[in-house]
Protein backbone atom coordinates (compact mmCIF):
# COMPACT_ATOMS: atom_id res chain seq x y z
CA MET A 1 -9.55 -9.71 22.96
CA ASP A 2 -8.51 -12.51 24.90
CA ARG A 3 -4.75 -13.81 25.80
CA ASP A 4 -4.87 -16.79 23.37
CA ALA A 5 -5.89 -14.24 20.37
CA TYR A 6 -3.33 -11.91 21.79
CA ARG A 7 -0.64 -14.65 21.85
CA ASN A 8 -1.60 -16.03 18.23
CA CYS A 9 -1.16 -12.63 16.42
CA CYS A 10 0.60 -9.98 18.20
CA SER A 11 4.08 -11.11 16.91
CA LEU A 12 2.90 -11.77 13.60
CA VAL A 13 4.71 -9.75 10.83
CA LYS A 14 2.00 -9.88 8.34
CA ILE A 15 -1.57 -10.18 9.41
CA PRO A 16 -2.96 -13.51 7.97
CA ARG A 17 -6.00 -13.25 5.43
CA GLN A 18 -8.09 -15.92 4.00
CA SER A 19 -8.95 -16.49 0.42
CA TYR A 20 -11.95 -14.39 -0.87
CA ASP A 21 -12.67 -17.38 -3.31
CA GLN A 22 -15.59 -18.28 -1.12
CA PHE A 23 -17.01 -14.92 -1.80
CA CYS A 24 -16.54 -15.08 -5.39
CA SER A 25 -18.38 -18.45 -5.92
CA SER A 26 -20.52 -18.58 -2.97
CA HIS A 27 -21.87 -15.20 -2.35
CA PHE A 28 -22.46 -16.01 1.27
CA VAL A 29 -22.13 -13.90 4.26
CA ASP A 30 -22.43 -14.24 7.56
CA TYR A 31 -25.40 -13.27 9.46
CA ILE A 32 -25.40 -12.58 13.39
CA ASP A 33 -28.57 -12.43 15.16
CA LYS A 34 -27.04 -13.39 18.81
CA ASP A 35 -24.40 -12.31 21.12
CA LEU A 36 -21.04 -12.69 19.59
CA SER A 37 -17.62 -12.02 21.76
CA TYR A 38 -15.27 -9.28 20.55
CA SER A 39 -12.54 -11.99 20.25
CA LYS A 40 -14.58 -14.01 17.97
CA PHE A 41 -15.52 -11.02 15.75
CA PHE A 42 -11.94 -10.32 15.86
CA LYS A 43 -10.52 -13.68 14.77
CA ARG A 44 -13.73 -14.27 12.26
CA TYR A 45 -14.15 -10.66 10.35
CA LEU A 46 -11.54 -8.54 11.67
CA LEU A 47 -8.30 -10.51 10.85
CA PRO A 48 -9.60 -12.36 7.57
CA ASN A 49 -11.05 -9.16 6.32
CA HIS A 50 -14.41 -10.67 5.87
CA PRO A 51 -17.85 -8.78 5.80
CA CYS A 52 -21.00 -9.67 7.90
CA VAL A 53 -24.36 -8.25 9.11
CA PHE A 54 -25.76 -7.86 12.35
CA SER A 55 -29.29 -8.29 12.93
CA LYS A 56 -31.86 -5.32 14.13
CA GLY A 57 -31.50 -6.54 17.80
CA PHE A 58 -28.10 -4.97 18.15
CA THR A 59 -29.86 -1.42 17.47
CA GLU A 60 -33.27 -1.75 18.88
CA GLU A 61 -32.17 0.38 21.95
CA TRP A 62 -30.95 3.39 20.06
CA LYS A 63 -32.39 6.59 20.77
CA CYS A 64 -32.61 7.53 16.84
CA ARG A 65 -34.49 4.16 15.99
CA LYS A 66 -37.36 5.19 18.43
CA GLN A 67 -37.33 8.94 17.86
CA TRP A 68 -36.38 9.44 14.05
CA VAL A 69 -38.80 6.57 12.82
CA THR A 70 -42.64 6.61 12.77
CA GLU A 71 -44.74 3.81 13.91
CA GLU A 72 -44.84 2.70 10.23
CA GLY A 73 -41.11 2.58 9.86
CA LYS A 74 -40.85 5.74 7.90
CA PRO A 75 -38.36 8.85 8.43
CA HIS A 76 -40.26 10.93 11.11
CA PHE A 77 -39.87 14.14 9.35
CA GLN A 78 -41.61 16.41 12.29
CA LYS A 79 -39.28 14.92 14.72
CA LEU A 80 -36.08 15.67 12.77
CA LEU A 81 -37.25 19.20 11.54
CA GLN A 82 -37.32 19.89 15.40
CA GLU A 83 -33.95 18.67 16.14
CA PHE A 84 -32.22 20.04 13.14
CA GLY A 85 -34.45 22.49 11.31
CA GLU A 86 -32.01 25.32 10.71
CA THR A 87 -28.77 22.88 10.52
CA PRO A 88 -26.59 23.64 7.42
CA VAL A 89 -26.04 19.72 5.74
CA PRO A 90 -24.30 18.23 2.68
CA VAL A 91 -26.60 17.09 0.07
CA ALA A 92 -25.31 15.20 -3.15
CA ASN A 93 -27.18 15.28 -6.47
CA CYS A 94 -27.33 11.57 -7.70
CA ASN A 95 -28.21 12.33 -11.08
CA ALA A 96 -25.22 14.26 -11.85
CA LYS A 97 -21.60 13.08 -12.14
CA GLU A 98 -18.57 14.91 -11.23
CA TYR A 99 -14.96 13.61 -11.08
CA ASN A 100 -16.81 9.74 -10.47
CA ALA A 101 -18.79 11.00 -7.85
CA ASN A 102 -21.72 13.23 -6.99
CA PRO A 103 -21.52 16.78 -6.69
CA LYS A 104 -22.49 18.38 -3.16
CA GLN A 105 -24.09 21.49 -2.04
CA VAL A 106 -24.96 22.82 1.60
CA MET A 107 -28.39 23.70 2.54
CA PRO A 108 -30.44 24.11 5.68
CA PHE A 109 -31.56 20.74 6.96
CA LYS A 110 -35.24 22.04 6.69
CA GLU A 111 -35.06 22.62 2.86
CA PHE A 112 -33.92 19.20 2.29
CA ILE A 113 -36.71 17.85 4.19
CA HIS A 114 -39.23 20.02 2.17
CA TYR A 115 -37.43 18.43 -1.02
CA TRP A 116 -37.81 14.80 0.28
CA LYS A 117 -41.62 15.05 1.10
CA GLU A 118 -42.26 16.57 -2.31
CA HIS A 119 -40.21 13.82 -3.71
CA ILE A 120 -42.48 11.12 -2.24
CA GLN A 121 -45.70 12.80 -2.97
CA ASN A 122 -44.79 12.96 -6.87
CA GLY A 123 -43.97 9.39 -6.86
CA HIS A 124 -40.67 9.45 -5.84
CA SER A 125 -39.15 12.03 -8.76
CA SER A 126 -38.38 15.51 -8.80
CA PRO A 127 -37.28 18.06 -11.39
CA LYS A 128 -34.49 19.00 -8.99
CA GLY A 129 -33.15 15.32 -9.43
CA CYS A 130 -32.64 12.75 -6.76
CA LEU A 131 -30.81 14.38 -3.82
CA TYR A 132 -29.18 12.64 -1.07
CA LEU A 133 -28.01 14.12 2.39
CA LYS A 134 -24.58 12.29 3.04
CA ASP A 135 -21.41 12.82 4.97
CA TRP A 136 -23.05 14.88 7.59
CA HIS A 137 -21.12 15.17 10.73
CA MET A 138 -24.11 14.89 13.07
CA SER A 139 -22.41 13.54 16.04
CA ARG A 140 -19.67 16.21 15.63
CA ASP A 141 -22.23 19.04 15.51
CA PHE A 142 -24.55 17.81 18.14
CA PRO A 143 -22.56 16.00 20.48
CA GLU A 144 -24.82 16.28 23.44
CA HIS A 145 -27.46 14.07 21.28
CA HIS A 146 -26.37 10.54 21.89
CA VAL A 147 -28.63 9.01 19.70
CA TYR A 148 -26.70 5.89 19.19
CA THR A 149 -23.68 3.73 20.83
CA THR A 150 -21.09 2.58 18.67
CA PRO A 151 -21.37 -1.43 18.92
CA MET A 152 -18.34 -2.78 20.70
CA PHE A 153 -17.16 -4.69 17.88
CA PHE A 154 -16.15 -1.35 15.96
CA THR A 155 -14.70 0.64 19.12
CA SER A 156 -11.13 -0.10 18.22
CA ASP A 157 -11.36 2.97 16.01
CA TRP A 158 -7.73 4.43 15.73
CA LEU A 159 -9.27 6.82 12.63
CA ASN A 160 -11.62 8.86 14.99
CA GLU A 161 -9.39 8.55 18.12
CA TYR A 162 -6.72 10.72 15.92
CA TRP A 163 -9.23 13.14 14.44
CA ASP A 164 -10.96 13.51 18.26
CA ALA A 165 -7.46 14.24 19.49
CA LEU A 166 -6.98 16.87 16.83
CA GLU A 167 -10.35 18.24 17.36
CA VAL A 168 -10.70 19.43 13.72
CA ASP A 169 -12.72 16.39 11.75
CA ASP A 170 -14.19 12.78 12.23
CA TYR A 171 -15.35 10.02 10.41
CA ARG A 172 -18.52 9.54 11.65
CA PHE A 173 -21.69 10.37 9.39
CA VAL A 174 -25.53 10.41 8.91
CA TYR A 175 -27.16 9.99 5.37
CA MET A 176 -30.70 10.38 4.69
CA GLY A 177 -32.21 9.81 1.13
CA PRO A 178 -35.46 8.76 -0.65
CA LYS A 179 -35.94 5.79 -2.67
CA GLY A 180 -33.53 5.32 -5.42
CA SER A 181 -30.68 7.59 -3.94
CA TRP A 182 -27.46 5.81 -4.32
CA THR A 183 -23.65 6.05 -4.07
CA PRO A 184 -21.22 5.23 -6.84
CA PHE A 185 -18.42 2.46 -7.09
CA HIS A 186 -15.88 3.36 -4.64
CA ALA A 187 -13.58 1.87 -1.62
CA ASP A 188 -13.64 3.58 1.56
CA VAL A 189 -11.06 6.60 2.77
CA PHE A 190 -7.50 5.24 3.56
CA ARG A 191 -9.19 1.92 2.63
CA SER A 192 -10.66 1.73 6.11
CA TYR A 193 -13.20 -0.34 7.43
CA SER A 194 -16.85 1.01 7.55
CA TRP A 195 -19.86 0.20 9.60
CA SER A 196 -23.47 1.22 8.53
CA ALA A 197 -26.65 0.97 10.59
CA ASN A 198 -30.37 1.63 8.72
CA ILE A 199 -32.21 3.36 11.10
CA CYS A 200 -34.86 3.13 8.79
CA GLY A 201 -35.45 1.97 5.17
CA ARG A 202 -33.76 -0.89 3.27
CA LYS A 203 -30.67 -0.70 1.20
CA LYS A 204 -28.96 -2.87 -1.61
CA TRP A 205 -25.19 -3.22 -1.27
CA LEU A 206 -22.84 -4.62 -4.21
CA LEU A 207 -19.63 -5.66 -2.54
CA TYR A 208 -16.23 -7.07 -4.55
CA PRO A 209 -13.38 -8.35 -2.52
CA PRO A 210 -9.74 -6.62 -3.04
CA GLY A 211 -8.37 -7.42 -6.04
CA GLN A 212 -11.34 -7.81 -8.20
CA GLU A 213 -11.46 -4.00 -8.92
CA GLU A 214 -8.61 -4.40 -11.22
CA PHE A 215 -10.66 -6.47 -13.66
CA LEU A 216 -13.12 -3.62 -13.57
CA ARG A 217 -10.84 -0.69 -14.83
CA ASP A 218 -11.30 0.98 -18.37
CA MET A 219 -9.03 0.78 -21.20
CA HIS A 220 -7.44 3.99 -19.50
CA GLY A 221 -7.23 2.54 -15.89
CA ASN A 222 -9.95 4.24 -14.32
CA LEU A 223 -12.53 2.46 -12.05
CA PRO A 224 -16.44 2.69 -13.13
CA TYR A 225 -18.69 4.93 -11.93
CA ASP A 226 -21.53 2.17 -11.97
CA VAL A 227 -21.03 -1.23 -11.84
CA THR A 228 -24.62 -2.05 -13.28
CA SER A 229 -23.76 0.14 -16.34
CA ALA A 230 -24.06 -1.91 -19.83
CA GLU A 231 -20.85 -0.40 -20.55
CA LEU A 232 -19.03 -2.85 -18.89
CA HIS A 233 -20.17 -5.48 -20.93
CA ASP A 234 -18.22 -3.68 -23.88
CA GLY A 235 -14.79 -5.24 -24.41
CA SER A 236 -13.65 -2.25 -26.24
CA LEU A 237 -14.22 -0.05 -23.15
CA PHE A 238 -13.48 -2.56 -20.14
CA PRO A 239 -10.99 -5.40 -21.44
CA ARG A 240 -11.29 -7.58 -18.63
CA SER A 241 -14.42 -7.03 -17.03
CA GLN A 242 -15.53 -10.36 -17.90
CA GLU A 243 -12.87 -11.66 -15.54
CA ALA A 244 -14.52 -10.02 -12.61
CA CYS A 245 -16.53 -12.01 -10.05
CA GLN A 246 -20.28 -11.35 -9.68
CA PRO A 247 -20.73 -9.07 -6.77
CA LEU A 248 -21.72 -10.25 -3.31
CA GLU A 249 -24.95 -8.65 -2.90
CA ILE A 250 -26.51 -7.99 0.18
CA ILE A 251 -30.08 -6.35 1.26
CA GLN A 252 -29.98 -4.71 4.30
CA GLU A 253 -33.18 -4.31 6.39
CA ALA A 254 -34.19 -1.67 8.83
CA GLY A 255 -32.21 -1.88 11.91
CA GLU A 256 -29.33 -4.23 10.68
CA ILE A 257 -25.82 -3.01 10.50
CA ILE A 258 -23.33 -4.13 8.00
CA PHE A 259 -19.56 -4.47 8.54
CA VAL A 260 -17.57 -3.43 5.12
CA PRO A 261 -14.32 -4.93 5.15
CA SER A 262 -11.01 -2.72 4.56
CA GLY A 263 -10.34 -2.25 0.56
CA TRP A 264 -13.75 -3.90 -0.72
CA HIS A 265 -15.39 -1.84 -3.41
CA HIS A 266 -18.75 -1.32 -3.25
CA GLN A 267 -21.96 0.48 -4.50
CA VAL A 268 -24.94 1.14 -2.43
CA TYR A 269 -28.71 2.07 -3.24
CA ASN A 270 -31.47 2.76 -1.15
CA LEU A 271 -34.52 0.69 -1.70
CA GLU A 272 -36.70 2.95 0.41
CA ASP A 273 -36.54 6.20 2.24
CA THR A 274 -33.57 5.36 4.06
CA ILE A 275 -31.68 6.64 6.97
CA SER A 276 -28.34 5.28 8.09
CA ILE A 277 -25.40 5.85 10.72
CA ASN A 278 -22.20 5.14 9.08
CA HIS A 279 -18.59 5.32 10.43
CA ASN A 280 -15.23 4.80 8.76
CA TRP A 281 -12.60 3.39 10.87
CA LEU A 282 -9.28 1.29 11.01
CA ASN A 283 -7.15 -0.33 13.66
CA GLY A 284 -4.33 -2.88 13.92
CA CYS A 285 -5.60 -5.26 11.82
CA ASN A 286 -6.03 -3.07 8.92
CA VAL A 287 -3.20 -0.54 9.45
CA ASP A 288 -1.00 -2.47 7.01
CA ILE A 289 -3.64 -2.08 4.35
CA MET A 290 -3.87 1.58 4.97
CA TRP A 291 0.12 1.79 4.77
CA GLN A 292 0.16 0.07 1.43
CA PHE A 293 -2.53 2.48 0.17
CA LEU A 294 -0.52 5.59 0.96
CA GLN A 295 2.45 4.04 -0.68
CA ASN A 296 0.37 3.48 -3.87
CA GLU A 297 -1.10 6.88 -3.70
CA LEU A 298 2.36 8.22 -3.44
CA SER A 299 3.65 6.31 -6.55
CA SER A 300 0.71 7.31 -8.53
CA VAL A 301 1.73 10.67 -7.86
CA GLN A 302 5.49 10.36 -8.46
CA LYS A 303 4.48 9.13 -11.88
CA GLU A 304 2.45 12.10 -12.62
CA ILE A 305 5.37 14.69 -12.11
CA ASP A 306 8.20 12.28 -12.95
CA GLU A 307 9.55 14.80 -15.53
CA TRP A 308 10.05 17.25 -12.99
CA ARG A 309 12.34 14.78 -10.89
CA ASN A 310 15.60 16.34 -11.75
CA THR A 311 14.58 20.05 -12.08
CA MET A 312 13.35 20.41 -8.63
CA ASP A 313 15.50 20.18 -5.40
CA SER A 314 12.16 19.67 -3.46
CA TRP A 315 10.52 17.00 -5.56
CA HIS A 316 9.87 14.57 -3.12
CA GLN A 317 8.08 17.36 -0.88
CA HIS A 318 6.08 18.18 -3.64
CA CYS A 319 4.98 14.84 -3.89
CA GLN A 320 3.80 14.68 -0.17
CA VAL A 321 2.11 18.03 -0.91
CA ILE A 322 0.29 16.59 -3.96
CA MET A 323 -0.57 13.25 -2.34
CA LYS A 324 -1.99 14.96 0.90
CA ALA A 325 -4.50 17.16 -1.37
CA CYS A 326 -5.49 14.13 -3.41
CA SER A 327 -5.93 11.66 -0.47
CA GLY A 328 -5.91 13.71 2.88
CA ILE A 329 -3.00 12.49 4.36
CA ASP A 330 0.72 12.28 3.88
CA TYR A 331 3.76 10.58 5.12
CA LYS A 332 4.64 13.06 8.23
CA GLU A 333 0.80 13.00 9.43
CA PHE A 334 0.79 9.12 9.06
CA ALA A 335 3.41 8.97 11.53
CA SER A 336 1.62 11.61 13.78
CA PHE A 337 -1.41 9.46 13.48
CA LEU A 338 0.61 6.34 14.71
CA LYS A 339 2.18 8.35 17.55
CA ILE A 340 -1.12 9.41 19.03
CA VAL A 341 -2.35 5.83 19.05
CA ALA A 342 0.77 4.69 20.55
CA ASP A 343 0.90 7.15 23.18
CA ASN A 344 -2.53 6.48 24.44
CA ARG A 345 -1.90 2.64 24.39
CA MET A 346 1.20 3.13 26.57
CA THR A 347 -0.38 5.74 28.76
CA PHE A 348 -3.07 2.98 29.37
CA LEU A 349 -0.63 -0.07 29.77
CA ASN A 350 1.86 2.02 32.09
CA ALA A 351 -1.29 3.10 34.14
CA ARG A 352 -2.52 -0.19 34.61
CA SER A 353 0.47 -1.42 35.42
CA SER A 354 0.95 1.17 38.37
CA GLY A 355 -2.55 0.72 39.30
CA ASP A 356 -3.27 4.31 38.84
CA ALA A 357 -6.27 4.48 36.75
CA THR A 358 -6.43 8.40 36.80
CA ASP A 359 -3.80 8.39 33.96
CA TYR A 360 -6.00 6.71 31.56
CA PRO A 361 -6.67 8.81 28.67
CA ARG A 362 -9.83 10.42 29.68
CA HIS A 363 -11.66 10.35 26.01
CA LEU A 364 -10.46 6.52 25.51
CA SER A 365 -10.71 5.42 28.99
CA GLU A 366 -14.08 3.45 28.37
CA ALA A 367 -13.01 1.72 25.05
CA LEU A 368 -9.39 0.72 26.32
CA VAL A 369 -11.08 -0.70 29.49
CA THR A 370 -13.52 -2.63 27.41
CA LEU A 371 -11.28 -4.26 25.06
CA GLY A 372 -8.49 -4.46 27.89
CA PRO A 373 -4.68 -4.63 28.03
CA CYS A 374 -4.19 -7.40 25.43
CA HIS A 375 -5.78 -5.29 22.72
CA ALA A 376 -3.52 -2.20 23.70
CA ALA A 377 -0.52 -4.61 23.66
CA PHE A 378 -1.84 -5.98 20.17
CA ASP A 379 -2.07 -2.16 18.81
CA LEU A 380 1.46 -1.25 20.25
CA GLN A 381 2.89 -4.46 18.10
CA ARG A 382 1.00 -3.30 14.97
CA VAL A 383 2.19 0.19 15.61
CA ALA A 384 5.93 -0.81 15.86
CA HIS A 385 5.62 -3.27 12.85
CA ILE A 386 4.64 -0.10 10.72
CA LEU A 387 7.15 2.21 12.31
CA GLU A 388 9.68 -0.65 11.15
CA LEU A 389 8.44 -0.39 7.70
CA LEU A 390 8.56 3.33 7.67
CA LEU A 391 11.94 3.56 8.95
CA CYS A 392 12.70 1.44 5.90
CA ASN A 393 10.85 3.42 3.55
CA ASP A 394 13.15 5.40 1.05
CA ASP A 395 10.58 8.13 0.26
CA PHE A 396 10.23 8.61 4.22
CA LYS A 397 13.61 8.79 4.73
CA ARG A 398 14.03 11.49 1.88
CA LEU A 399 11.77 13.65 4.08
CA ASP A 400 13.25 16.24 6.40
CA HIS A 401 12.25 15.12 9.93
CA SER A 402 14.66 17.54 11.92
CA ALA A 403 11.55 19.71 13.04
CA SER A 404 8.98 17.07 13.19
CA VAL A 405 7.46 16.39 16.81
CA VAL A 406 7.36 12.47 15.77
CA GLN A 407 10.74 10.98 16.09
CA PRO A 408 10.24 7.12 14.59
CA GLU A 409 13.46 5.89 16.08
CA THR A 410 12.14 7.33 19.56
CA LEU A 411 8.51 6.11 19.46
CA LEU A 412 9.61 2.59 18.58
CA GLN A 413 12.20 2.25 21.36
CA GLN A 414 9.43 3.78 23.48
CA ILE A 415 6.70 0.99 22.29
CA ARG A 416 9.22 -1.76 22.92
CA ASP A 417 10.44 -0.73 26.31
CA THR A 418 6.63 -0.41 27.37
CA ILE A 419 5.73 -3.63 25.73
CA GLN A 420 8.51 -5.50 27.71
CA SER A 421 7.92 -3.44 30.85
CA THR A 422 4.09 -4.40 30.92
CA ARG A 423 4.52 -8.08 29.46
CA GLY A 424 3.30 -10.09 32.29
CA GLN A 425 0.41 -7.80 33.26
CA HIS A 426 -1.37 -8.00 30.01
CA LEU A 427 -0.81 -11.65 29.75
CA LEU A 428 -2.49 -12.34 33.27
CA TYR A 429 -5.66 -10.92 32.05
CA GLN A 430 -8.16 -11.65 29.40
CA ASP A 431 -11.40 -9.82 28.42
């Protein structure tokens, strides 16, 4: 981020987002086939929350594109088996439905490849159904492989930064599936961004801008499993479906990367035998969307168990427990998430100010140095804004924070002090 971008947006109370009307009417998406500065990506796509597609030139040097793909552009089964043969992997059955998703099982990688080969030989059909290896934490399981490099545009990644610090999880995945495999209609975890790179094969994406999903709910308020189903034309089942815009349709070719903005619901098909790498991520540009999502999740839980509100002293805490079970995070963990992000940037800015590079957080030094002090300062401004909202939130105030390692008031003051003390040095430089 350059200093002009920082000056224009770091002090904003709310991130400005342009209308999505152009996507409802023109179905146009930018295709990036040459170098683009991070600051331009930040201003054109991250801040306004707009999708785009990067050309295959951005992935040409990845090892996985050279080693996992045959000369004919197909999955290189022999090479993949050599690397991952006995590895247990999660596999979904695209022909089955379970709670608006595909049920999963864990099987050895070699067993999935054996199925995939037979599926191709049988004309892309199988009595086992259409199986899809998805949400495989390949990078976490094989950290030494380094088969791809996260593009600079997606390196401001608070979500994986947090989980890497805990060393328990991540949101970096590999998907592999035969022609015909697909992912049902959904929006990504915590309403995060996602980026998805095709190592080989082609995908078709159907995307709906935020808000359009409300027109697609059925008479009970549930979102559809398949937005291409004929049921959506039945007004008695989906009373507002005719009000929804047509989806933005994108055909993603081999090597290309698609940027899916925060809160865009989508459905994805593999048009060929396909391998892709996918990250969920979020940062200062969409952390407010994540915070709104969490508030909505808690509100839904509260409505579900409202009848017990006056019979339980710990009703509010029970709501947090249920919320975490359903969405993967509660308000206290959200505060911890903000603290880790803030601590890393305060350390970075203070070390830069003092000239002591040895104090940089080791696992983040490259990303922070690349994005620069203006970006770190912007991140702190955004964390401070969300902390202010947390401290004003009635549900957050009702929780017992006495034993919490995160004291939001203290953290907020630390952020303000760091921004003030380092203000000169991050305005003097640009990336």
